[in-house]
Amino acid sequence: MEVARAKLELIKPEEVNMEEYEVMLTPAMQGILMAIDRTRSVCDRCGPEAAFFKAFTMEYARLLRFAQEDTPPETDHRLQHVIVYLIQNHAPKSILERTLLEQFAHRSLGFDQRCKSIMEVARAKLELIKPEEVNMEEYEIWHQDYRNFQETTFYLLTGLELFQKRSYAETLMYLIYAHQYNKELLLKGSYRGHSEELIAHYRRQCLLVRDSHYRRQCLLVRDSHYRRQCLLVRDSHYRRQCLLVRDSHYRRQCLLVRDSHYRRQCLLVRDSHYRRQLQEKLTDFLPKLLDCSTEIRSFRDPPKLPSYCTLELCERFSRVVCSLSRSPADGR
């Protein structure tokens, strides 16, 4: 990897545009450059085609080893290499080979004569692939699934970064969407998404912190009527958070917990008239909330994600997970 980075340092800024340069810095392209560099003697002796086959075989073997490793979240190879994601989720071999072939054929390799000659061989191989050999519709579905995995990771990453900044309201919003999208990914396979335990832990922490904050504020209010209003505002906010959850089973569990908490509060209310009114409202309103026969969508659109590159996503996710005080041992 150091050799690949050293080669990049020799590139003059005017030789490649910034977009291509950023692609070359990604872990995937660093691996391609390293494989090409290791086949230098083969290229000199037998030509670029032999060097291409050697480099292709070496890089595929390296990524296969990565896919077989059990790594913690901060070194998740799936974020660094789409091939690892495809291998772990049992993508067809034709999809794997075409994906790696396209990496060897990427235009960013044109900065160096040896790399360029291997890139041209890879492009020629791509043109020889017949339509019946690779189902392009299936190919696009696999790569869209990977983009969904990256997007889910960015929601999770943003939520964890906001959690560190103690912006719990914003954190909760990002983690709710991270949970939803991650659950959809995991329905297709256990290696499609992230650890449910990791997301659930920080979502619970946000709810506990916010609930504790509201409760402290309410207890500081001497006026009993105003204190009751504060509690109702807090519980109304909790209900809205529950309704943001599209998973009907999980939403039902959230609301049942809230119902239990409500009823304990009712028992603490000394005003029998107010307690009776509150119980009547709960009896009428909660069954409607718990009826999940019609799916409830979010009151708002998901937060918009800024543009990002693979390298930035990998580095930020690794940094934030390493800095957290708790993360499950299983990264998937």
Protein backbone atom coordinates (compact mmCIF):
# COMPACT_ATOMS: atom_id res chain seq x y z
CA MET A 1 0.00 0.00 0.00
CA GLU A 2 2.92 2.34 0.73
CA VAL A 3 4.26 1.67 -2.78
CA ALA A 4 0.91 2.66 -4.29
CA ARG A 5 0.82 5.88 -2.29
CA ALA A 6 4.41 6.66 -3.29
CA LYS A 7 3.43 6.34 -6.95
CA LEU A 8 0.58 8.78 -6.41
CA GLU A 9 2.89 11.32 -4.83
CA LEU A 10 4.86 11.42 -8.08
CA ILE A 11 1.79 12.44 -10.08
CA LYS A 12 1.66 16.09 -11.05
CA PRO A 13 -1.70 17.83 -10.38
CA GLU A 14 -2.11 18.74 -14.05
CA GLU A 15 -1.79 15.10 -15.14
CA VAL A 16 -5.15 14.03 -13.66
CA ASN A 17 -8.28 15.87 -12.54
CA MET A 18 -9.26 15.95 -8.87
CA GLU A 19 -12.15 13.50 -9.29
CA GLU A 20 -9.83 10.85 -10.74
CA TYR A 21 -7.23 11.59 -8.07
CA GLU A 22 -9.80 11.03 -5.29
CA VAL A 23 -10.79 7.72 -6.90
CA MET A 24 -7.16 6.65 -6.92
CA LEU A 25 -6.93 7.33 -3.17
CA THR A 26 -9.77 4.92 -2.34
CA PRO A 27 -8.80 1.57 -0.77
CA ALA A 28 -10.11 -0.29 -3.84
CA MET A 29 -7.90 1.57 -6.32
CA GLN A 30 -4.95 1.47 -3.93
CA GLY A 31 -5.24 -2.31 -4.08
CA ILE A 32 -5.33 -2.24 -7.89
CA LEU A 33 -2.21 -0.06 -8.02
CA MET A 34 -0.41 -2.33 -5.57
CA ALA A 35 -1.30 -5.44 -7.62
CA ILE A 36 -0.08 -3.79 -10.84
CA ASP A 37 3.16 -2.73 -9.17
CA ARG A 38 3.82 -6.30 -8.02
CA THR A 39 3.51 -7.58 -11.59
CA ARG A 40 6.15 -5.22 -12.97
CA SER A 41 8.61 -8.02 -13.82
CA VAL A 42 5.84 -10.07 -15.49
CA CYS A 43 4.89 -7.06 -17.61
CA ASP A 44 8.51 -6.54 -18.68
CA ARG A 45 9.02 -10.22 -19.57
CA CYS A 46 5.65 -11.33 -20.96
CA GLY A 47 3.73 -8.16 -21.77
CA PRO A 48 0.71 -6.32 -20.32
CA GLU A 49 -1.84 -9.10 -20.88
CA ALA A 50 0.09 -11.59 -18.74
CA ALA A 51 0.62 -8.86 -16.14
CA PHE A 52 -3.11 -8.13 -16.13
CA PHE A 53 -4.04 -11.77 -15.45
CA LYS A 54 -1.45 -11.97 -12.68
CA ALA A 55 -2.59 -8.71 -11.05
CA PHE A 56 -6.26 -9.66 -11.39
CA THR A 57 -5.68 -13.03 -9.69
CA MET A 58 -3.61 -11.49 -6.89
CA GLU A 59 -6.15 -8.77 -6.13
CA TYR A 60 -9.10 -11.18 -6.16
CA ALA A 61 -7.25 -13.51 -3.74
CA ARG A 62 -6.48 -10.57 -1.42
CA LEU A 63 -10.12 -9.44 -1.35
CA LEU A 64 -11.28 -13.01 -0.78
CA ARG A 65 -9.08 -13.15 2.34
CA PHE A 66 -10.61 -9.88 3.54
CA ALA A 67 -14.11 -11.31 3.03
CA GLN A 68 -13.24 -14.32 5.19
CA GLU A 69 -11.92 -12.23 8.09
CA ASP A 70 -14.06 -11.41 11.11
CA THR A 71 -13.36 -7.71 11.60
CA PRO A 72 -14.59 -5.11 14.13
CA PRO A 73 -16.83 -2.27 12.86
CA GLU A 74 -13.98 0.24 12.59
CA THR A 75 -12.17 -1.91 10.00
CA ASP A 76 -15.19 -3.11 8.04
CA HIS A 77 -13.76 -4.19 4.67
CA ARG A 78 -17.19 -3.94 3.05
CA LEU A 79 -16.98 -0.15 3.26
CA GLN A 80 -13.58 -0.17 1.59
CA HIS A 81 -14.25 -2.74 -1.12
CA VAL A 82 -17.47 -3.45 -2.98
CA ILE A 83 -15.98 -6.84 -3.94
CA VAL A 84 -15.84 -7.87 -0.26
CA TYR A 85 -19.51 -6.90 0.12
CA LEU A 86 -20.42 -8.96 -2.96
CA ILE A 87 -18.41 -12.01 -1.84
CA GLN A 88 -19.89 -12.02 1.67
CA ASN A 89 -23.41 -11.79 0.25
CA HIS A 90 -22.83 -14.59 -2.29
CA ALA A 91 -23.14 -12.55 -5.47
CA PRO A 92 -22.77 -14.58 -8.69
CA LYS A 93 -19.19 -15.05 -9.88
CA SER A 94 -19.95 -13.22 -13.13
CA ILE A 95 -20.96 -10.11 -11.11
CA LEU A 96 -17.76 -10.32 -9.04
CA GLU A 97 -15.50 -10.68 -12.06
CA ARG A 98 -17.11 -7.85 -14.01
CA THR A 99 -16.92 -5.52 -10.99
CA LEU A 100 -13.21 -6.18 -10.50
CA LEU A 101 -12.61 -5.96 -14.25
CA GLU A 102 -14.20 -2.50 -14.32
CA GLN A 103 -11.87 -1.38 -11.53
CA PHE A 104 -8.86 -2.44 -13.63
CA ALA A 105 -10.39 -0.60 -16.59
CA HIS A 106 -10.96 2.67 -14.72
CA ARG A 107 -9.71 5.75 -16.57
CA SER A 108 -7.79 7.00 -13.52
CA LEU A 109 -5.11 4.36 -14.27
CA GLY A 110 -4.07 6.24 -17.40
CA PHE A 111 -1.46 8.35 -15.58
CA ASP A 112 1.32 5.75 -15.92
CA GLN A 113 2.37 3.83 -19.05
CA ARG A 114 2.42 0.42 -17.36
CA CYS A 115 -0.92 1.06 -15.65
CA LYS A 116 -2.36 2.38 -18.89
CA SER A 117 -1.36 -0.74 -20.84
CA ILE A 118 -3.05 -2.98 -18.24
CA MET A 119 -6.10 -0.69 -18.24
CA GLU A 120 -6.38 -1.13 -22.02
CA VAL A 121 -6.22 -4.93 -21.65
CA ALA A 122 -9.03 -4.78 -19.05
CA ARG A 123 -11.16 -2.62 -21.35
CA ALA A 124 -10.66 -5.07 -24.19
CA LYS A 125 -11.78 -7.91 -21.90
CA LEU A 126 -14.90 -5.95 -20.96
CA GLU A 127 -15.83 -5.52 -24.61
CA LEU A 128 -15.53 -9.28 -25.17
CA ILE A 129 -18.12 -10.11 -22.49
CA LYS A 130 -21.32 -11.29 -24.17
CA PRO A 131 -24.73 -10.04 -22.96
CA GLU A 132 -25.78 -13.56 -21.95
CA GLU A 133 -22.66 -13.99 -19.79
CA VAL A 134 -23.56 -11.21 -17.33
CA ASN A 135 -27.11 -10.22 -16.46
CA MET A 136 -26.73 -6.43 -16.44
CA GLU A 137 -30.07 -5.91 -14.71
CA GLU A 138 -28.93 -8.15 -11.86
CA TYR A 139 -25.55 -6.39 -11.90
CA GLU A 140 -27.22 -3.00 -11.39
CA ILE A 141 -29.39 -4.37 -8.57
CA TRP A 142 -26.33 -5.64 -6.70
CA HIS A 143 -24.55 -2.30 -7.06
CA GLN A 144 -27.66 -0.36 -6.04
CA ASP A 145 -27.85 -2.53 -2.91
CA TYR A 146 -24.25 -1.59 -2.18
CA ARG A 147 -25.03 2.11 -2.62
CA ASN A 148 -27.94 1.65 -0.19
CA PHE A 149 -25.50 0.08 2.27
CA GLN A 150 -23.18 3.08 1.94
CA GLU A 151 -26.09 5.51 2.41
CA THR A 152 -27.26 3.65 5.52
CA THR A 153 -23.70 3.79 6.84
CA PHE A 154 -23.66 7.56 6.33
CA TYR A 155 -26.91 7.97 8.29
CA LEU A 156 -25.42 5.87 11.09
CA LEU A 157 -22.11 7.74 10.91
CA THR A 158 -23.81 11.16 11.08
CA GLY A 159 -25.97 10.03 13.99
CA LEU A 160 -22.95 8.79 15.96
CA GLU A 161 -21.02 12.00 15.28
CA LEU A 162 -23.99 14.07 16.50
CA PHE A 163 -24.25 11.83 19.56
CA GLN A 164 -20.66 12.70 20.44
CA LYS A 165 -21.60 16.39 20.14
CA ARG A 166 -24.60 15.76 22.45
CA SER A 167 -27.07 16.88 19.78
CA TYR A 168 -29.51 14.19 20.86
CA ALA A 169 -32.59 15.38 18.95
CA GLU A 170 -30.73 15.35 15.62
CA THR A 171 -28.97 12.12 16.55
CA LEU A 172 -32.28 10.38 17.11
CA MET A 173 -33.57 11.44 13.71
CA TYR A 174 -30.54 10.04 11.87
CA LEU A 175 -30.52 6.83 13.92
CA ILE A 176 -34.22 6.25 13.26
CA TYR A 177 -33.60 6.31 9.52
CA ALA A 178 -30.39 4.30 9.90
CA HIS A 179 -32.40 1.66 11.79
CA GLN A 180 -35.13 1.55 9.15
CA TYR A 181 -32.82 1.30 6.15
CA ASN A 182 -30.54 -1.15 7.94
CA LYS A 183 -33.49 -3.40 8.77
CA GLU A 184 -34.48 -3.44 5.10
CA LEU A 185 -30.93 -4.43 4.16
CA LEU A 186 -30.74 -7.21 6.75
CA LEU A 187 -33.93 -8.77 5.40
CA LYS A 188 -31.84 -9.81 2.37
CA GLY A 189 -28.97 -11.24 4.42
CA SER A 190 -26.98 -10.87 7.63
CA TYR A 191 -24.00 -9.29 5.82
CA ARG A 192 -26.09 -6.68 4.00
CA GLY A 193 -26.16 -4.16 6.86
CA HIS A 194 -24.72 -3.16 10.22
CA SER A 195 -25.16 -4.45 13.75
CA GLU A 196 -28.72 -3.85 14.96
CA GLU A 197 -27.38 -3.83 18.52
CA LEU A 198 -25.06 -0.90 17.77
CA ILE A 199 -27.86 1.27 16.35
CA ALA A 200 -30.36 0.24 19.04
CA HIS A 201 -27.93 1.03 21.86
CA TYR A 202 -27.36 4.65 20.83
CA ARG A 203 -31.02 5.17 19.94
CA ARG A 204 -31.95 4.07 23.47
CA GLN A 205 -29.29 6.33 24.96
CA CYS A 206 -30.75 9.32 23.11
CA LEU A 207 -34.27 8.57 24.31
CA LEU A 208 -33.10 8.11 27.91
CA VAL A 209 -31.13 11.36 27.88
CA ARG A 210 -33.98 13.35 26.37
CA ASP A 211 -36.56 11.80 28.69
CA SER A 212 -34.37 12.54 31.71
CA HIS A 213 -33.89 16.13 30.53
CA TYR A 214 -37.64 16.68 30.13
CA ARG A 215 -38.34 15.11 33.50
CA ARG A 216 -35.84 17.36 35.29
CA GLN A 217 -37.39 20.40 33.64
CA CYS A 218 -40.87 19.34 34.69
CA LEU A 219 -39.84 18.75 38.30
CA LEU A 220 -38.46 22.29 38.51
CA VAL A 221 -41.91 23.70 37.74
CA ARG A 222 -43.89 24.46 40.90
CA ASP A 223 -47.23 25.08 39.22
CA SER A 224 -48.87 21.62 39.09
CA HIS A 225 -51.05 22.51 36.08
CA TYR A 226 -48.06 23.78 34.09
CA ARG A 227 -46.04 20.73 35.14
CA ARG A 228 -48.76 18.47 33.74
CA GLN A 229 -48.64 20.42 30.48
CA CYS A 230 -44.86 19.90 30.32
CA LEU A 231 -45.31 16.17 30.77
CA LEU A 232 -47.93 16.06 28.02
CA VAL A 233 -45.59 17.94 25.66
CA ARG A 234 -42.82 15.47 26.43
CA ASP A 235 -45.06 12.47 25.82
CA SER A 236 -46.47 14.01 22.65
CA HIS A 237 -42.92 14.37 21.35
CA TYR A 238 -42.22 10.71 22.19
CA ARG A 239 -45.33 9.63 20.27
CA ARG A 240 -44.15 11.56 17.22
CA GLN A 241 -40.80 9.78 17.41
CA CYS A 242 -42.63 6.44 17.57
CA LEU A 243 -44.72 7.32 14.53
CA LEU A 244 -41.56 8.00 12.53
CA VAL A 245 -40.75 4.30 12.80
CA ARG A 246 -42.06 2.45 9.76
CA ASP A 247 -41.55 -1.02 11.27
CA SER A 248 -45.03 -1.75 12.67
CA HIS A 249 -43.81 -4.34 15.23
CA TYR A 250 -41.09 -2.05 16.60
CA ARG A 251 -43.47 0.94 16.63
CA ARG A 252 -46.00 -1.11 18.60
CA GLN A 253 -43.34 -2.02 21.17
CA CYS A 254 -42.32 1.65 21.56
CA LEU A 255 -45.90 2.70 22.17
CA LEU A 256 -46.57 -0.11 24.64
CA VAL A 257 -43.57 1.02 26.68
CA ARG A 258 -44.89 4.57 26.54
CA ASP A 259 -48.35 3.33 27.58
CA SER A 260 -46.88 1.58 30.62
CA HIS A 261 -45.02 4.75 31.57
CA TYR A 262 -48.18 6.82 31.13
CA ARG A 263 -50.17 4.62 33.45
CA ARG A 264 -47.51 4.75 36.14
CA GLN A 265 -47.68 8.55 35.91
CA CYS A 266 -51.46 8.41 36.27
CA LEU A 267 -51.11 6.54 39.55
CA LEU A 268 -48.81 9.29 40.83
CA VAL A 269 -51.32 12.05 40.05
CA ARG A 270 -53.14 12.99 43.24
CA ASP A 271 -55.91 14.88 41.49
CA SER A 272 -58.48 12.10 40.97
CA HIS A 273 -60.45 14.11 38.39
CA TYR A 274 -57.35 14.76 36.27
CA ARG A 275 -56.25 11.12 36.66
CA ARG A 276 -59.63 9.90 35.42
CA GLN A 277 -59.49 12.26 32.42
CA LEU A 278 -56.00 11.10 31.52
CA GLN A 279 -56.98 7.45 31.76
CA GLU A 280 -59.97 8.06 29.48
CA LYS A 281 -57.79 9.76 26.88
CA LEU A 282 -55.30 6.90 26.99
CA THR A 283 -58.03 4.30 26.63
CA ASP A 284 -59.40 6.09 23.57
CA PHE A 285 -56.19 7.21 21.87
CA LEU A 286 -53.59 4.48 22.38
CA PRO A 287 -55.50 1.68 20.57
CA LYS A 288 -55.60 3.93 17.50
CA LEU A 289 -51.83 4.41 17.69
CA LEU A 290 -51.24 0.71 18.20
CA ASP A 291 -53.34 -0.20 15.17
CA CYS A 292 -50.60 -0.71 12.58
CA SER A 293 -52.82 -2.22 9.88
CA THR A 294 -52.07 0.83 7.73
CA GLU A 295 -48.41 1.71 7.45
CA ILE A 296 -47.56 5.12 8.89
CA ARG A 297 -44.88 7.01 7.04
CA SER A 298 -42.68 9.75 8.40
CA PHE A 299 -44.01 13.24 9.08
CA ARG A 300 -40.94 14.58 7.32
CA ASP A 301 -38.53 13.54 4.58
CA PRO A 302 -35.28 11.81 5.59
CA PRO A 303 -32.42 14.22 6.33
CA LYS A 304 -30.51 15.09 3.17
CA LEU A 305 -27.04 13.62 3.04
CA PRO A 306 -24.15 15.70 1.70
CA SER A 307 -22.04 14.37 -1.13
CA TYR A 308 -19.22 12.13 0.06
CA CYS A 309 -16.51 9.89 -1.31
CA THR A 310 -15.70 6.33 -0.27
CA LEU A 311 -12.41 7.35 1.34
CA GLU A 312 -14.11 9.99 3.51
CA LEU A 313 -16.85 7.54 4.54
CA CYS A 314 -14.32 4.87 5.55
CA GLU A 315 -12.07 7.22 7.51
CA ARG A 316 -14.88 9.03 9.36
CA PHE A 317 -16.72 5.82 10.22
CA SER A 318 -13.54 4.19 11.52
CA ARG A 319 -12.69 7.28 13.56
CA VAL A 320 -16.11 7.69 15.19
CA VAL A 321 -16.51 3.99 16.05
CA CYS A 322 -13.01 3.86 17.56
CA SER A 323 -13.74 6.90 19.71
CA LEU A 324 -17.04 5.61 21.10
CA SER A 325 -16.96 4.16 24.58
CA ARG A 326 -19.04 1.15 23.56
CA SER A 327 -19.39 -0.82 20.37
CA PRO A 328 -20.44 -4.47 20.00
CA ALA A 329 -17.69 -6.91 19.10
CA ASP A 330 -19.63 -8.12 16.08
CA GLY A 331 -19.40 -5.48 13.37
CA ARG A 332 -22.17 -6.85 11.17
